């Protein structure tokens, strides 16, 4: 039996941590949700995570800060940023720094699927 790929969701918004994993499971992924970047780093799930869906603005370590920390650790986990507070300049900047995509909340299923397919080609 093929194990589903693990997608980790890091968002301080509880409603996102509850609803997004349900949708990702419908798409056939295994999911772990974390309320902060620090919780994700301490989880022991870094090696198993195949894609990271990451909020930009969070208390403590921000999404871009976590992206930099993962790069410092030489971990190449594809990142899809999500944000409710971003502006148009965030998307090209974050993609230029290696993110797969940056979705503005609320985003649709089609946009999320497209980003996941880009992050995990040939899944």
N, C-alpha and C. Protein backbone atom coordinates (compact mmCIF):
# COMPACT_ATOMS: atom_id res chain seq x y z
N UNK A 1 0.84 -1.18 0.00
CA UNK A 1 0.00 0.00 0.00
C UNK A 1 0.88 1.25 0.00
N UNK A 2 0.54 2.20 -0.86
CA UNK A 2 1.29 3.44 -0.94
C UNK A 2 0.83 4.39 0.16
N UNK A 3 1.79 4.90 0.91
CA UNK A 3 1.47 5.85 1.98
C UNK A 3 1.25 7.23 1.36
N UNK A 4 0.21 7.95 1.82
CA UNK A 4 0.00 9.30 1.29
C UNK A 4 1.14 10.23 1.71
N UNK A 5 1.44 11.19 0.86
CA UNK A 5 2.48 12.18 1.15
C UNK A 5 2.02 13.10 2.28
N UNK A 6 2.95 13.45 3.16
CA UNK A 6 2.62 14.32 4.28
C UNK A 6 2.74 15.79 3.89
N UNK A 7 1.65 16.52 4.07
CA UNK A 7 1.62 17.97 3.92
C UNK A 7 1.45 18.54 5.32
N UNK A 8 2.37 19.41 5.72
CA UNK A 8 2.27 20.07 7.02
C UNK A 8 1.72 21.47 6.83
N UNK A 9 0.75 21.83 7.66
CA UNK A 9 0.12 23.14 7.62
C UNK A 9 0.56 23.89 8.87
N UNK A 10 1.12 25.09 8.69
CA UNK A 10 1.54 25.92 9.81
C UNK A 10 0.79 27.24 9.71
N UNK A 11 -0.14 27.46 10.65
CA UNK A 11 -0.96 28.67 10.64
C UNK A 11 -1.45 28.92 12.06
N UNK A 12 -1.37 30.16 12.51
CA UNK A 12 -1.82 30.49 13.86
C UNK A 12 -3.35 30.58 13.95
N UNK A 13 -4.05 30.58 12.83
CA UNK A 13 -5.51 30.67 12.79
C UNK A 13 -6.11 29.28 12.97
N UNK A 14 -6.81 29.08 14.09
CA UNK A 14 -7.36 27.77 14.40
C UNK A 14 -8.33 27.27 13.33
N UNK A 15 -9.12 28.18 12.75
CA UNK A 15 -10.09 27.75 11.74
C UNK A 15 -9.38 27.19 10.50
N UNK A 16 -8.24 27.75 10.15
CA UNK A 16 -7.45 27.22 9.02
C UNK A 16 -6.88 25.86 9.39
N UNK A 17 -6.38 25.72 10.62
CA UNK A 17 -5.80 24.44 11.05
C UNK A 17 -6.86 23.33 11.14
N UNK A 18 -8.13 23.72 11.25
CA UNK A 18 -9.20 22.73 11.29
C UNK A 18 -9.74 22.41 9.90
N UNK A 19 -9.94 23.42 9.07
CA UNK A 19 -10.59 23.20 7.77
C UNK A 19 -9.63 22.75 6.67
N UNK A 20 -8.45 23.34 6.60
CA UNK A 20 -7.52 23.01 5.52
C UNK A 20 -7.07 21.55 5.56
N UNK A 21 -6.76 20.98 6.72
CA UNK A 21 -6.40 19.55 6.74
C UNK A 21 -7.51 18.64 6.20
N UNK A 22 -8.77 18.97 6.49
CA UNK A 22 -9.87 18.16 5.97
C UNK A 22 -9.86 18.16 4.45
N UNK A 23 -9.67 19.33 3.85
CA UNK A 23 -9.63 19.45 2.39
C UNK A 23 -8.43 18.69 1.83
N UNK A 24 -7.27 18.83 2.46
CA UNK A 24 -6.08 18.14 1.98
C UNK A 24 -6.24 16.62 2.06
N UNK A 25 -6.90 16.14 3.09
CA UNK A 25 -7.16 14.69 3.20
C UNK A 25 -8.08 14.23 2.07
N UNK A 26 -9.06 15.07 1.71
CA UNK A 26 -9.93 14.74 0.57
C UNK A 26 -9.12 14.62 -0.71
N UNK A 27 -8.06 15.40 -0.82
CA UNK A 27 -7.18 15.34 -1.99
C UNK A 27 -6.24 14.14 -1.93
N UNK A 28 -6.23 13.40 -0.81
CA UNK A 28 -5.41 12.21 -0.71
C UNK A 28 -4.09 12.36 0.01
N UNK A 29 -3.92 13.45 0.75
CA UNK A 29 -2.67 13.69 1.49
C UNK A 29 -2.84 13.33 2.96
N UNK A 30 -1.75 12.95 3.59
CA UNK A 30 -1.69 12.90 5.05
C UNK A 30 -1.38 14.32 5.50
N UNK A 31 -1.89 14.71 6.66
CA UNK A 31 -1.73 16.11 7.10
C UNK A 31 -1.40 16.18 8.58
N UNK A 32 -0.50 17.09 8.90
CA UNK A 32 -0.22 17.49 10.27
C UNK A 32 -0.38 19.00 10.31
N UNK A 33 -1.03 19.52 11.34
CA UNK A 33 -1.23 20.96 11.47
C UNK A 33 -0.52 21.46 12.73
N UNK A 34 0.08 22.64 12.61
CA UNK A 34 0.84 23.25 13.69
C UNK A 34 0.42 24.70 13.84
N UNK A 35 0.39 25.18 15.10
CA UNK A 35 -0.06 26.54 15.36
C UNK A 35 1.06 27.57 15.25
N UNK A 36 2.31 27.09 15.13
CA UNK A 36 3.42 28.03 15.00
C UNK A 36 4.59 27.37 14.27
N UNK A 37 5.47 28.21 13.76
CA UNK A 37 6.68 27.72 13.11
C UNK A 37 7.55 26.97 14.11
N UNK A 38 7.59 27.47 15.33
CA UNK A 38 8.39 26.83 16.37
C UNK A 38 7.88 25.41 16.67
N UNK A 39 6.55 25.25 16.71
CA UNK A 39 5.97 23.92 16.94
C UNK A 39 6.34 22.97 15.80
N UNK A 40 6.31 23.47 14.57
CA UNK A 40 6.68 22.63 13.43
C UNK A 40 8.15 22.21 13.54
N UNK A 41 9.02 23.15 13.84
CA UNK A 41 10.45 22.83 13.94
C UNK A 41 10.73 21.80 15.04
N UNK A 42 9.96 21.84 16.11
CA UNK A 42 10.18 20.93 17.24
C UNK A 42 9.43 19.60 17.08
N UNK A 43 8.66 19.43 16.02
CA UNK A 43 7.73 18.31 15.90
C UNK A 43 8.37 16.98 15.53
N UNK A 44 9.52 17.01 14.91
CA UNK A 44 10.07 15.78 14.38
C UNK A 44 9.48 15.39 13.04
N UNK A 45 8.68 16.27 12.44
CA UNK A 45 8.03 15.98 11.16
C UNK A 45 8.75 16.58 9.95
N UNK A 46 9.88 17.24 10.17
CA UNK A 46 10.55 17.90 9.05
C UNK A 46 10.96 16.92 7.97
N UNK A 47 11.54 15.79 8.35
CA UNK A 47 12.01 14.83 7.36
C UNK A 47 10.86 14.18 6.60
N UNK A 48 9.71 14.00 7.25
CA UNK A 48 8.57 13.34 6.62
C UNK A 48 7.75 14.30 5.76
N UNK A 49 7.83 15.60 6.03
CA UNK A 49 7.01 16.59 5.32
C UNK A 49 7.47 16.72 3.87
N UNK A 50 6.54 16.53 2.95
CA UNK A 50 6.83 16.65 1.51
C UNK A 50 6.42 17.99 0.94
N UNK A 51 5.55 18.71 1.66
CA UNK A 51 5.13 20.05 1.25
C UNK A 51 4.68 20.77 2.51
N UNK A 52 4.96 22.06 2.56
CA UNK A 52 4.63 22.89 3.71
C UNK A 52 3.70 24.00 3.25
N UNK A 53 2.52 24.07 3.86
CA UNK A 53 1.60 25.18 3.61
C UNK A 53 1.74 26.09 4.81
N UNK A 54 2.20 27.31 4.54
CA UNK A 54 2.75 28.15 5.59
C UNK A 54 2.16 29.55 5.55
N UNK A 55 1.58 29.97 6.68
CA UNK A 55 1.07 31.33 6.82
C UNK A 55 2.26 32.30 6.84
N UNK A 56 2.07 33.48 6.29
CA UNK A 56 3.15 34.47 6.27
C UNK A 56 3.29 35.15 7.64
N UNK A 57 2.17 35.66 8.15
CA UNK A 57 2.22 36.47 9.38
C UNK A 57 1.72 35.66 10.57
N UNK A 58 2.65 35.36 11.48
CA UNK A 58 2.30 34.63 12.70
C UNK A 58 3.07 35.25 13.85
N UNK A 59 2.54 35.12 15.08
CA UNK A 59 3.32 35.57 16.24
C UNK A 59 4.60 34.74 16.34
N UNK A 60 5.64 35.34 16.87
CA UNK A 60 6.91 34.61 16.96
C UNK A 60 7.56 34.57 15.59
N UNK A 61 7.99 33.39 15.20
CA UNK A 61 8.67 33.21 13.92
C UNK A 61 7.64 33.29 12.78
N UNK A 62 7.88 34.18 11.83
CA UNK A 62 6.98 34.33 10.68
C UNK A 62 7.22 33.21 9.67
N UNK A 63 6.33 33.12 8.69
CA UNK A 63 6.51 32.15 7.62
C UNK A 63 7.82 32.35 6.87
N UNK A 64 8.12 33.58 6.42
CA UNK A 64 9.40 33.79 5.74
C UNK A 64 10.60 33.50 6.65
N UNK A 65 10.47 33.75 7.96
CA UNK A 65 11.56 33.38 8.87
C UNK A 65 11.77 31.87 8.89
N UNK A 66 10.68 31.11 8.90
CA UNK A 66 10.79 29.65 8.87
C UNK A 66 11.41 29.20 7.55
N UNK A 67 11.02 29.83 6.45
CA UNK A 67 11.61 29.50 5.16
C UNK A 67 13.13 29.69 5.21
N UNK A 68 13.57 30.78 5.80
CA UNK A 68 15.02 31.04 5.92
C UNK A 68 15.69 30.01 6.83
N UNK A 69 15.03 29.64 7.91
CA UNK A 69 15.60 28.64 8.82
C UNK A 69 15.73 27.28 8.14
N UNK A 70 14.74 26.89 7.36
CA UNK A 70 14.83 25.63 6.63
C UNK A 70 15.97 25.67 5.62
N UNK A 71 16.14 26.81 4.95
CA UNK A 71 17.25 26.95 4.01
C UNK A 71 18.59 26.87 4.74
N UNK A 72 18.66 27.49 5.91
CA UNK A 72 19.89 27.43 6.71
C UNK A 72 20.22 25.99 7.09
N UNK A 73 19.20 25.19 7.37
CA UNK A 73 19.38 23.79 7.71
C UNK A 73 19.55 22.89 6.47
N UNK A 74 19.53 23.53 5.30
CA UNK A 74 19.66 22.84 4.02
C UNK A 74 18.55 21.80 3.81
N UNK A 75 17.34 22.19 4.19
CA UNK A 75 16.15 21.35 3.97
C UNK A 75 15.38 21.94 2.81
N UNK A 76 15.09 21.14 1.84
CA UNK A 76 14.39 21.64 0.66
C UNK A 76 12.96 21.10 0.62
N UNK A 77 12.13 21.67 1.46
CA UNK A 77 10.71 21.32 1.50
C UNK A 77 9.96 22.36 0.66
N UNK A 78 9.21 21.92 -0.36
CA UNK A 78 8.44 22.90 -1.14
C UNK A 78 7.46 23.64 -0.23
N UNK A 79 7.39 24.96 -0.40
CA UNK A 79 6.54 25.80 0.44
C UNK A 79 5.49 26.51 -0.40
N UNK A 80 4.24 26.42 0.09
CA UNK A 80 3.14 27.21 -0.45
C UNK A 80 2.75 28.17 0.67
N UNK A 81 2.96 29.46 0.44
CA UNK A 81 2.56 30.45 1.44
C UNK A 81 1.08 30.76 1.29
N UNK A 82 0.44 31.04 2.43
CA UNK A 82 -0.94 31.51 2.43
C UNK A 82 -0.99 32.73 3.34
N UNK A 83 -1.84 33.70 2.98
CA UNK A 83 -1.92 34.91 3.79
C UNK A 83 -3.26 35.61 3.61
N UNK A 84 -3.69 36.23 4.69
CA UNK A 84 -4.87 37.08 4.64
C UNK A 84 -4.46 38.55 4.62
N UNK A 85 -3.18 38.82 4.86
CA UNK A 85 -2.72 40.19 5.03
C UNK A 85 -1.67 40.62 4.02
N UNK A 86 -1.42 39.81 3.03
CA UNK A 86 -0.36 40.13 2.08
C UNK A 86 -0.76 41.21 1.11
N UNK A 87 0.25 41.74 0.43
CA UNK A 87 -0.03 42.66 -0.65
C UNK A 87 0.57 42.08 -1.93
N UNK A 88 0.31 42.72 -3.03
CA UNK A 88 0.72 42.19 -4.32
C UNK A 88 2.23 42.00 -4.43
N UNK A 89 3.02 42.75 -3.67
CA UNK A 89 4.48 42.63 -3.74
C UNK A 89 4.99 41.37 -3.04
N UNK A 90 4.19 40.81 -2.12
CA UNK A 90 4.64 39.62 -1.39
C UNK A 90 4.83 38.43 -2.30
N UNK A 91 3.89 38.21 -3.21
CA UNK A 91 3.91 36.99 -4.03
C UNK A 91 5.20 36.87 -4.84
N UNK A 92 5.56 37.84 -5.67
CA UNK A 92 6.80 37.66 -6.45
C UNK A 92 8.05 37.60 -5.58
N UNK A 93 8.05 38.31 -4.48
CA UNK A 93 9.21 38.29 -3.58
C UNK A 93 9.38 36.90 -2.98
N UNK A 94 8.30 36.32 -2.48
CA UNK A 94 8.38 35.00 -1.84
C UNK A 94 8.70 33.90 -2.85
N UNK A 95 8.12 33.99 -4.04
CA UNK A 95 8.44 33.02 -5.08
C UNK A 95 9.89 33.17 -5.51
N UNK A 96 10.37 34.40 -5.57
CA UNK A 96 11.77 34.64 -5.89
C UNK A 96 12.72 34.08 -4.85
N UNK A 97 12.23 33.91 -3.62
CA UNK A 97 13.04 33.34 -2.54
C UNK A 97 12.86 31.83 -2.44
N UNK A 98 12.13 31.24 -3.42
CA UNK A 98 12.04 29.79 -3.47
C UNK A 98 10.69 29.17 -3.19
N UNK A 99 9.69 29.96 -2.82
CA UNK A 99 8.36 29.39 -2.58
C UNK A 99 7.75 28.91 -3.90
N UNK A 100 6.90 27.89 -3.81
CA UNK A 100 6.21 27.38 -4.99
C UNK A 100 5.10 28.34 -5.41
N UNK A 101 4.38 28.88 -4.42
CA UNK A 101 3.26 29.77 -4.71
C UNK A 101 2.94 30.57 -3.44
N UNK A 102 2.11 31.59 -3.61
CA UNK A 102 1.62 32.39 -2.50
C UNK A 102 0.14 32.65 -2.79
N UNK A 103 -0.72 32.07 -1.96
CA UNK A 103 -2.16 32.18 -2.14
C UNK A 103 -2.73 33.16 -1.13
N UNK A 104 -3.65 33.99 -1.59
CA UNK A 104 -4.29 34.97 -0.73
C UNK A 104 -5.62 34.42 -0.23
N UNK A 105 -5.80 34.41 1.10
CA UNK A 105 -7.04 33.91 1.70
C UNK A 105 -8.17 34.88 1.41
N UNK A 106 -9.35 34.41 1.14
CA UNK A 106 -9.71 33.01 0.96
C UNK A 106 -9.34 32.55 -0.46
N UNK A 107 -8.76 31.39 -0.58
CA UNK A 107 -8.40 30.84 -1.89
C UNK A 107 -9.29 29.64 -2.17
N UNK A 108 -9.45 29.32 -3.44
CA UNK A 108 -10.31 28.22 -3.84
C UNK A 108 -9.57 26.90 -3.92
N UNK A 109 -10.35 25.83 -4.00
CA UNK A 109 -9.77 24.49 -4.11
C UNK A 109 -8.89 24.37 -5.35
N UNK A 110 -9.32 24.94 -6.47
CA UNK A 110 -8.56 24.82 -7.72
C UNK A 110 -7.18 25.46 -7.58
N UNK A 111 -7.11 26.62 -6.95
CA UNK A 111 -5.82 27.30 -6.76
C UNK A 111 -4.91 26.47 -5.85
N UNK A 112 -5.48 25.89 -4.81
CA UNK A 112 -4.69 25.06 -3.90
C UNK A 112 -4.19 23.81 -4.61
N UNK A 113 -5.06 23.16 -5.36
CA UNK A 113 -4.64 21.96 -6.10
C UNK A 113 -3.54 22.27 -7.10
N UNK A 114 -3.67 23.38 -7.79
CA UNK A 114 -2.64 23.79 -8.76
C UNK A 114 -1.30 23.99 -8.06
N UNK A 115 -1.31 24.65 -6.90
CA UNK A 115 -0.09 24.88 -6.14
C UNK A 115 0.50 23.56 -5.66
N UNK A 116 -0.35 22.65 -5.18
CA UNK A 116 0.13 21.34 -4.72
C UNK A 116 0.74 20.54 -5.86
N UNK A 117 0.12 20.60 -7.03
CA UNK A 117 0.66 19.88 -8.19
C UNK A 117 2.01 20.45 -8.59
N UNK A 118 2.19 21.76 -8.46
CA UNK A 118 3.49 22.38 -8.75
C UNK A 118 4.53 21.98 -7.69
N UNK A 119 4.08 21.87 -6.45
CA UNK A 119 5.01 21.52 -5.36
C UNK A 119 5.39 20.05 -5.39
N UNK A 120 4.47 19.21 -5.83
CA UNK A 120 4.67 17.75 -5.81
C UNK A 120 4.37 17.16 -7.18
N UNK A 121 5.17 17.50 -8.18
CA UNK A 121 4.88 17.01 -9.54
C UNK A 121 4.97 15.49 -9.60
N UNK A 122 4.04 14.90 -10.34
CA UNK A 122 4.05 13.45 -10.53
C UNK A 122 3.66 12.68 -9.28
N UNK A 123 3.04 13.33 -8.37
CA UNK A 123 2.65 12.70 -7.10
C UNK A 123 1.97 11.41 -7.30
